[in-house]
């Protein structure tokens, strides 16, 4: 016999190669299947979000129409002349004096996050009163102590002559106790509407 062929070895090598290719094919089919499922879920989520947005938009439009119907002619609550008068009034106020008084009256535990002037415009169908907003936080102490300090600050601001001359009133709009992992504080907003003089 000149040569000998081991057929068992050839068969086992071929079977191993076929199994390896089948494993690769199974992994590819699995990955393609997962990709198709994830893509389908993503498309379904986008479609559902679009439908939800359409539903909410239609509800907002209906509510807006009802409010406008209820208001009737009052939807144009602030005319151009009134807006001009409000702007003139805002210019007349000495803002530097107001900011200096605010700074002087502020307690050590109190700090402001935002001081802004709103002009008074229609937001959707809801009118907004023109005025001065003071937003901030009061830290230190318990909830009741912080609220007492905020009321003390509010009383001092109300007694301040520059606020009495410039604004109709000084009112507390919101106050809420916040707790984070690092700190506890009383968050507040004070609003001073502009006078109509």
C-alpha atoms as a PDB file:
ATOM      1  CA  UNK A   1       0.000   0.000   0.000  1.00  0.00           C
ATOM      2  CA  UNK A   2       1.469   3.220  -1.115  1.00  0.00           C
ATOM      3  CA  UNK A   3      -0.531   5.656   0.986  1.00  0.00           C
ATOM      4  CA  UNK A   4      -3.210   5.607   3.620  1.00  0.00           C
ATOM      5  CA  UNK A   5      -6.115   8.079   3.976  1.00  0.00           C
ATOM      6  CA  UNK A   6      -7.697   8.605   7.370  1.00  0.00           C
ATOM      7  CA  UNK A   7     -11.308   9.182   6.424  1.00  0.00           C
ATOM      8  CA  UNK A   8     -12.443   9.499  10.034  1.00  0.00           C
ATOM      9  CA  UNK A   9     -10.134  12.495  10.547  1.00  0.00           C
ATOM     10  CA  UNK A  10     -11.406  14.216   7.387  1.00  0.00           C
ATOM     11  CA  UNK A  11     -15.007  13.642   8.443  1.00  0.00           C
ATOM     12  CA  UNK A  12     -14.396  15.026  11.940  1.00  0.00           C
ATOM     13  CA  UNK A  13     -12.598  18.111  10.565  1.00  0.00           C
ATOM     14  CA  UNK A  14     -15.465  18.772   8.174  1.00  0.00           C
ATOM     15  CA  UNK A  15     -18.023  18.271  10.946  1.00  0.00           C
ATOM     16  CA  UNK A  16     -16.092  20.667  13.195  1.00  0.00           C
ATOM     17  CA  UNK A  17     -15.971  23.267  10.409  1.00  0.00           C
ATOM     18  CA  UNK A  18     -19.705  22.859   9.747  1.00  0.00           C
ATOM     19  CA  UNK A  19     -20.487  23.238  13.488  1.00  0.00           C
ATOM     20  CA  UNK A  20     -18.306  26.369  13.662  1.00  0.00           C
ATOM     21  CA  UNK A  21     -20.104  27.899  10.666  1.00  0.00           C
ATOM     22  CA  UNK A  22     -23.486  26.970  12.129  1.00  0.00           C
ATOM     23  CA  UNK A  23     -22.550  28.659  15.430  1.00  0.00           C
ATOM     24  CA  UNK A  24     -21.516  31.825  13.579  1.00  0.00           C
ATOM     25  CA  UNK A  25     -24.727  31.703  11.573  1.00  0.00           C
ATOM     26  CA  UNK A  26     -26.794  31.230  14.754  1.00  0.00           C
ATOM     27  CA  UNK A  27     -25.086  34.236  16.408  1.00  0.00           C
ATOM     28  CA  UNK A  28     -25.673  36.386  13.315  1.00  0.00           C
ATOM     29  CA  UNK A  29     -29.340  35.318  13.122  1.00  0.00           C
ATOM     30  CA  UNK A  30     -29.760  36.021  16.849  1.00  0.00           C
ATOM     31  CA  UNK A  31     -28.185  39.500  16.556  1.00  0.00           C
ATOM     32  CA  UNK A  32     -30.292  40.337  13.504  1.00  0.00           C
ATOM     33  CA  UNK A  33     -33.417  39.170  15.355  1.00  0.00           C
ATOM     34  CA  UNK A  34     -32.580  41.278  18.401  1.00  0.00           C
ATOM     35  CA  UNK A  35     -31.891  44.290  16.155  1.00  0.00           C
ATOM     36  CA  UNK A  36     -35.248  43.861  14.408  1.00  0.00           C
ATOM     37  CA  UNK A  37     -37.102  43.571  17.728  1.00  0.00           C
ATOM     38  CA  UNK A  38     -35.347  46.630  19.232  1.00  0.00           C
ATOM     39  CA  UNK A  39     -35.949  48.654  16.055  1.00  0.00           C
ATOM     40  CA  UNK A  40     -39.609  47.651  16.095  1.00  0.00           C
ATOM     41  CA  UNK A  41     -39.993  48.671  19.730  1.00  0.00           C
ATOM     42  CA  UNK A  42     -38.285  51.987  18.999  1.00  0.00           C
ATOM     43  CA  UNK A  43     -40.595  52.693  16.063  1.00  0.00           C
ATOM     44  CA  UNK A  44     -43.658  51.746  18.148  1.00  0.00           C
ATOM     45  CA  UNK A  45     -42.482  54.088  20.929  1.00  0.00           C
ATOM     46  CA  UNK A  46     -42.013  56.952  18.458  1.00  0.00           C
ATOM     47  CA  UNK A  47     -45.463  56.378  16.949  1.00  0.00           C
ATOM     48  CA  UNK A  48     -47.075  56.224  20.408  1.00  0.00           C
ATOM     49  CA  UNK A  49     -45.269  59.406  21.477  1.00  0.00           C
ATOM     50  CA  UNK A  50     -46.471  61.152  18.323  1.00  0.00           C
ATOM     51  CA  UNK A  51     -50.052  60.079  19.025  1.00  0.00           C
ATOM     52  CA  UNK A  52     -49.762  61.219  22.655  1.00  0.00           C
ATOM     53  CA  UNK A  53     -48.426  64.616  21.538  1.00  0.00           C
ATOM     54  CA  UNK A  54     -51.274  64.963  19.048  1.00  0.00           C
ATOM     55  CA  UNK A  55     -53.802  64.084  21.768  1.00  0.00           C
ATOM     56  CA  UNK A  56     -52.307  66.591  24.216  1.00  0.00           C
ATOM     57  CA  UNK A  57     -52.100  69.301  21.565  1.00  0.00           C
ATOM     58  CA  UNK A  58     -55.756  68.843  20.703  1.00  0.00           C
ATOM     59  CA  UNK A  59     -56.705  68.976  24.420  1.00  0.00           C
ATOM     60  CA  UNK A  60     -54.688  72.186  24.855  1.00  0.00           C
ATOM     61  CA  UNK A  61     -56.345  73.727  21.790  1.00  0.00           C
ATOM     62  CA  UNK A  62     -59.801  72.835  23.127  1.00  0.00           C
ATOM     63  CA  UNK A  63     -58.961  74.284  26.565  1.00  0.00           C
ATOM     64  CA  UNK A  64     -57.521  77.409  24.950  1.00  0.00           C
ATOM     65  CA  UNK A  65     -60.684  77.876  22.863  1.00  0.00           C
ATOM     66  CA  UNK A  66     -62.865  77.443  25.968  1.00  0.00           C
ATOM     67  CA  UNK A  67     -60.809  80.021  27.889  1.00  0.00           C
ATOM     68  CA  UNK A  68     -60.938  82.499  25.014  1.00  0.00           C
ATOM     69  CA  UNK A  69     -64.700  81.972  24.768  1.00  0.00           C
ATOM     70  CA  UNK A  70     -65.050  82.518  28.524  1.00  0.00           C
ATOM     71  CA  UNK A  71     -62.930  85.663  28.435  1.00  0.00           C
ATOM     72  CA  UNK A  72     -64.727  87.032  25.417  1.00  0.00           C
ATOM     73  CA  UNK A  73     -63.350  90.477  24.595  1.00  0.00           C
ATOM     74  CA  UNK A  74     -61.030  90.428  27.613  1.00  0.00           C
ATOM     75  CA  UNK A  75     -58.537  88.213  25.773  1.00  0.00           C
ATOM     76  CA  UNK A  76     -56.719  91.367  24.705  1.00  0.00           C
ATOM     77  CA  UNK A  77     -56.449  92.314  28.382  1.00  0.00           C
ATOM     78  CA  UNK A  78     -53.397  94.491  27.984  1.00  0.00           C
ATOM     79  CA  UNK A  79     -53.610  96.956  25.152  1.00  0.00           C
ATOM     80  CA  UNK A  80     -50.582  98.634  23.599  1.00  0.00           C
ATOM     81  CA  UNK A  81     -51.323 101.827  25.540  1.00  0.00           C
ATOM     82  CA  UNK A  82     -51.500  99.961  28.859  1.00  0.00           C
ATOM     83  CA  UNK A  83     -48.280  98.119  28.057  1.00  0.00           C
ATOM     84  CA  UNK A  84     -46.604 101.426  27.236  1.00  0.00           C
ATOM     85  CA  UNK A  85     -47.800 102.881  30.572  1.00  0.00           C
ATOM     86  CA  UNK A  86     -46.479  99.845  32.437  1.00  0.00           C
ATOM     87  CA  UNK A  87     -43.100 100.161  30.715  1.00  0.00           C
ATOM     88  CA  UNK A  88     -42.971 103.873  31.566  1.00  0.00           C
ATOM     89  CA  UNK A  89     -43.825 103.081  35.182  1.00  0.00           C
ATOM     90  CA  UNK A  90     -41.116 100.434  35.295  1.00  0.00           C
ATOM     91  CA  UNK A  91     -38.564 102.910  33.940  1.00  0.00           C
ATOM     92  CA  UNK A  92     -39.530 105.475  36.596  1.00  0.00           C
ATOM     93  CA  UNK A  93     -38.737 103.086  39.435  1.00  0.00           C
ATOM     94  CA  UNK A  94     -35.225 103.453  40.706  1.00  0.00           C
ATOM     95  CA  UNK A  95     -34.084  99.877  40.384  1.00  0.00           C
ATOM     96  CA  UNK A  96     -30.730 100.521  42.009  1.00  0.00           C
ATOM     97  CA  UNK A  97     -32.533 101.686  45.178  1.00  0.00           C
ATOM     98  CA  UNK A  98     -34.773  98.617  45.144  1.00  0.00           C
ATOM     99  CA  UNK A  99     -31.818  96.257  44.691  1.00  0.00           C
ATOM    100  CA  UNK A 100     -29.851  98.055  47.421  1.00  0.00           C
ATOM    101  CA  UNK A 101     -32.810  97.797  49.820  1.00  0.00           C
ATOM    102  CA  UNK A 102     -33.265  94.108  48.948  1.00  0.00           C
ATOM    103  CA  UNK A 103     -29.596  93.454  49.646  1.00  0.00           C
ATOM    104  CA  UNK A 104     -29.669  95.402  52.910  1.00  0.00           C
ATOM    105  CA  UNK A 105     -32.771  93.580  54.183  1.00  0.00           C
ATOM    106  CA  UNK A 106     -31.604  90.083  53.171  1.00  0.00           C
ATOM    107  CA  UNK A 107     -30.770  87.796  56.072  1.00  0.00           C
ATOM    108  CA  UNK A 108     -27.445  85.956  56.267  1.00  0.00           C
ATOM    109  CA  UNK A 109     -29.169  82.619  55.620  1.00  0.00           C
ATOM    110  CA  UNK A 110     -31.076  83.962  52.612  1.00  0.00           C
ATOM    111  CA  UNK A 111     -29.787  84.013  49.059  1.00  0.00           C
ATOM    112  CA  UNK A 112     -31.525  84.851  45.803  1.00  0.00           C
ATOM    113  CA  UNK A 113     -31.622  82.551  42.796  1.00  0.00           C
ATOM    114  CA  UNK A 114     -33.428  84.982  40.509  1.00  0.00           C
ATOM    115  CA  UNK A 115     -34.526  88.617  40.492  1.00  0.00           C
ATOM    116  CA  UNK A 116     -36.587  89.568  37.435  1.00  0.00           C
ATOM    117  CA  UNK A 117     -39.075  92.066  36.108  1.00  0.00           C
ATOM    118  CA  UNK A 118     -42.099  90.682  34.241  1.00  0.00           C
ATOM    119  CA  UNK A 119     -43.726  92.984  31.733  1.00  0.00           C
ATOM    120  CA  UNK A 120     -47.232  91.610  31.884  1.00  0.00           C
ATOM    121  CA  UNK A 121     -48.183  89.857  28.697  1.00  0.00           C
ATOM    122  CA  UNK A 122     -50.606  87.198  27.652  1.00  0.00           C
ATOM    123  CA  UNK A 123     -49.197  83.720  28.015  1.00  0.00           C
ATOM    124  CA  UNK A 124     -51.581  81.554  26.039  1.00  0.00           C
ATOM    125  CA  UNK A 125     -54.887  82.880  27.293  1.00  0.00           C
ATOM    126  CA  UNK A 126     -53.771  83.512  30.869  1.00  0.00           C
ATOM    127  CA  UNK A 127     -52.919  87.113  31.725  1.00  0.00           C
ATOM    128  CA  UNK A 128     -49.808  87.830  33.736  1.00  0.00           C
ATOM    129  CA  UNK A 129     -49.509  90.822  36.060  1.00  0.00           C
ATOM    130  CA  UNK A 130     -46.450  93.032  35.533  1.00  0.00           C
ATOM    131  CA  UNK A 131     -44.109  93.233  38.499  1.00  0.00           C
ATOM    132  CA  UNK A 132     -40.888  92.323  40.286  1.00  0.00           C
ATOM    133  CA  UNK A 133     -40.143  88.692  41.191  1.00  0.00           C
ATOM    134  CA  UNK A 134     -37.706  87.662  43.943  1.00  0.00           C
ATOM    135  CA  UNK A 135     -36.910  83.964  44.025  1.00  0.00           C
ATOM    136  CA  UNK A 136     -34.487  82.379  46.448  1.00  0.00           C
ATOM    137  CA  UNK A 137     -33.619  79.968  49.211  1.00  0.00           C
ATOM    138  CA  UNK A 138     -33.381  80.248  52.944  1.00  0.00           C
ATOM    139  CA  UNK A 139     -30.966  77.778  54.532  1.00  0.00           C
ATOM    140  CA  UNK A 140     -30.145  76.869  58.089  1.00  0.00           C
ATOM    141  CA  UNK A 141     -32.473  75.701  60.802  1.00  0.00           C
ATOM    142  CA  UNK A 142     -35.571  73.591  60.718  1.00  0.00           C
ATOM    143  CA  UNK A 143     -38.576  74.083  58.485  1.00  0.00           C
ATOM    144  CA  UNK A 144     -40.566  76.188  60.981  1.00  0.00           C
ATOM    145  CA  UNK A 145     -37.524  78.354  61.836  1.00  0.00           C
ATOM    146  CA  UNK A 146     -36.842  78.988  58.144  1.00  0.00           C
ATOM    147  CA  UNK A 147     -40.480  79.909  57.523  1.00  0.00           C
ATOM    148  CA  UNK A 148     -40.407  82.318  60.496  1.00  0.00           C
ATOM    149  CA  UNK A 149     -37.242  83.952  59.091  1.00  0.00           C
ATOM    150  CA  UNK A 150     -38.877  84.250  55.668  1.00  0.00           C
ATOM    151  CA  UNK A 151     -41.926  85.928  57.222  1.00  0.00           C
ATOM    152  CA  UNK A 152     -39.594  88.305  59.089  1.00  0.00           C
ATOM    153  CA  UNK A 153     -37.846  89.193  55.796  1.00  0.00           C
ATOM    154  CA  UNK A 154     -41.220  89.666  54.099  1.00  0.00           C
ATOM    155  CA  UNK A 155     -42.409  92.006  56.891  1.00  0.00           C
ATOM    156  CA  UNK A 156     -39.192  94.053  56.606  1.00  0.00           C
ATOM    157  CA  UNK A 157     -39.616  94.360  52.829  1.00  0.00           C
ATOM    158  CA  UNK A 158     -43.228  95.479  53.260  1.00  0.00           C
ATOM    159  CA  UNK A 159     -42.125  98.188  55.731  1.00  0.00           C
ATOM    160  CA  UNK A 160     -39.392  99.449  53.387  1.00  0.00           C
ATOM    161  CA  UNK A 161     -40.510 102.824  51.901  1.00  0.00           C
ATOM    162  CA  UNK A 162     -38.984 102.241  48.444  1.00  0.00           C
ATOM    163  CA  UNK A 163     -41.106  99.091  48.023  1.00  0.00           C
ATOM    164  CA  UNK A 164     -44.231 100.929  49.218  1.00  0.00           C
ATOM    165  CA  UNK A 165     -43.656 103.725  46.699  1.00  0.00           C
ATOM    166  CA  UNK A 166     -42.874 101.449  43.769  1.00  0.00           C
ATOM    167  CA  UNK A 167     -45.253  98.510  44.136  1.00  0.00           C
ATOM    168  CA  UNK A 168     -48.887  97.887  44.996  1.00  0.00           C
ATOM    169  CA  UNK A 169     -48.003  95.157  47.490  1.00  0.00           C
ATOM    170  CA  UNK A 170     -45.389  92.596  48.468  1.00  0.00           C
ATOM    171  CA  UNK A 171     -46.762  89.067  48.568  1.00  0.00           C
ATOM    172  CA  UNK A 172     -45.421  85.596  49.091  1.00  0.00           C
ATOM    173  CA  UNK A 173     -46.370  83.492  46.055  1.00  0.00           C
ATOM    174  CA  UNK A 174     -44.883  80.132  47.010  1.00  0.00           C
ATOM    175  CA  UNK A 175     -42.692  78.544  49.628  1.00  0.00           C
ATOM    176  CA  UNK A 176     -41.720  74.897  49.807  1.00  0.00           C
ATOM    177  CA  UNK A 177     -39.349  72.933  51.964  1.00  0.00           C
ATOM    178  CA  UNK A 178     -36.784  71.015  49.915  1.00  0.00           C
ATOM    179  CA  UNK A 179     -34.489  68.257  51.069  1.00  0.00           C
ATOM    180  CA  UNK A 180     -31.553  67.002  49.024  1.00  0.00           C
ATOM    181  CA  UNK A 181     -28.781  64.616  49.948  1.00  0.00           C
ATOM    182  CA  UNK A 182     -26.538  67.582  50.710  1.00  0.00           C
ATOM    183  CA  UNK A 183     -28.834  70.241  52.139  1.00  0.00           C
ATOM    184  CA  UNK A 184     -32.268  71.293  53.409  1.00  0.00           C
ATOM    185  CA  UNK A 185     -33.703  74.676  52.535  1.00  0.00           C
ATOM    186  CA  UNK A 186     -36.878  76.690  52.110  1.00  0.00           C
ATOM    187  CA  UNK A 187     -37.432  77.713  48.494  1.00  0.00           C
ATOM    188  CA  UNK A 188     -39.605  80.787  47.958  1.00  0.00           C
ATOM    189  CA  UNK A 189     -40.962  83.293  45.453  1.00  0.00           C
ATOM    190  CA  UNK A 190     -42.047  86.821  46.356  1.00  0.00           C
ATOM    191  CA  UNK A 191     -43.963  88.976  43.876  1.00  0.00           C
ATOM    192  CA  UNK A 192     -44.366  92.763  43.913  1.00  0.00           C
ATOM    193  CA  UNK A 193     -46.923  93.925  41.301  1.00  0.00           C
ATOM    194  CA  UNK A 194     -46.280  97.296  39.668  1.00  0.00           C
ATOM    195  CA  UNK A 195     -48.678 100.103  40.519  1.00  0.00           C
ATOM    196  CA  UNK A 196     -50.975 101.477  37.833  1.00  0.00           C
ATOM    197  CA  UNK A 197     -50.070 105.118  38.398  1.00  0.00           C
END
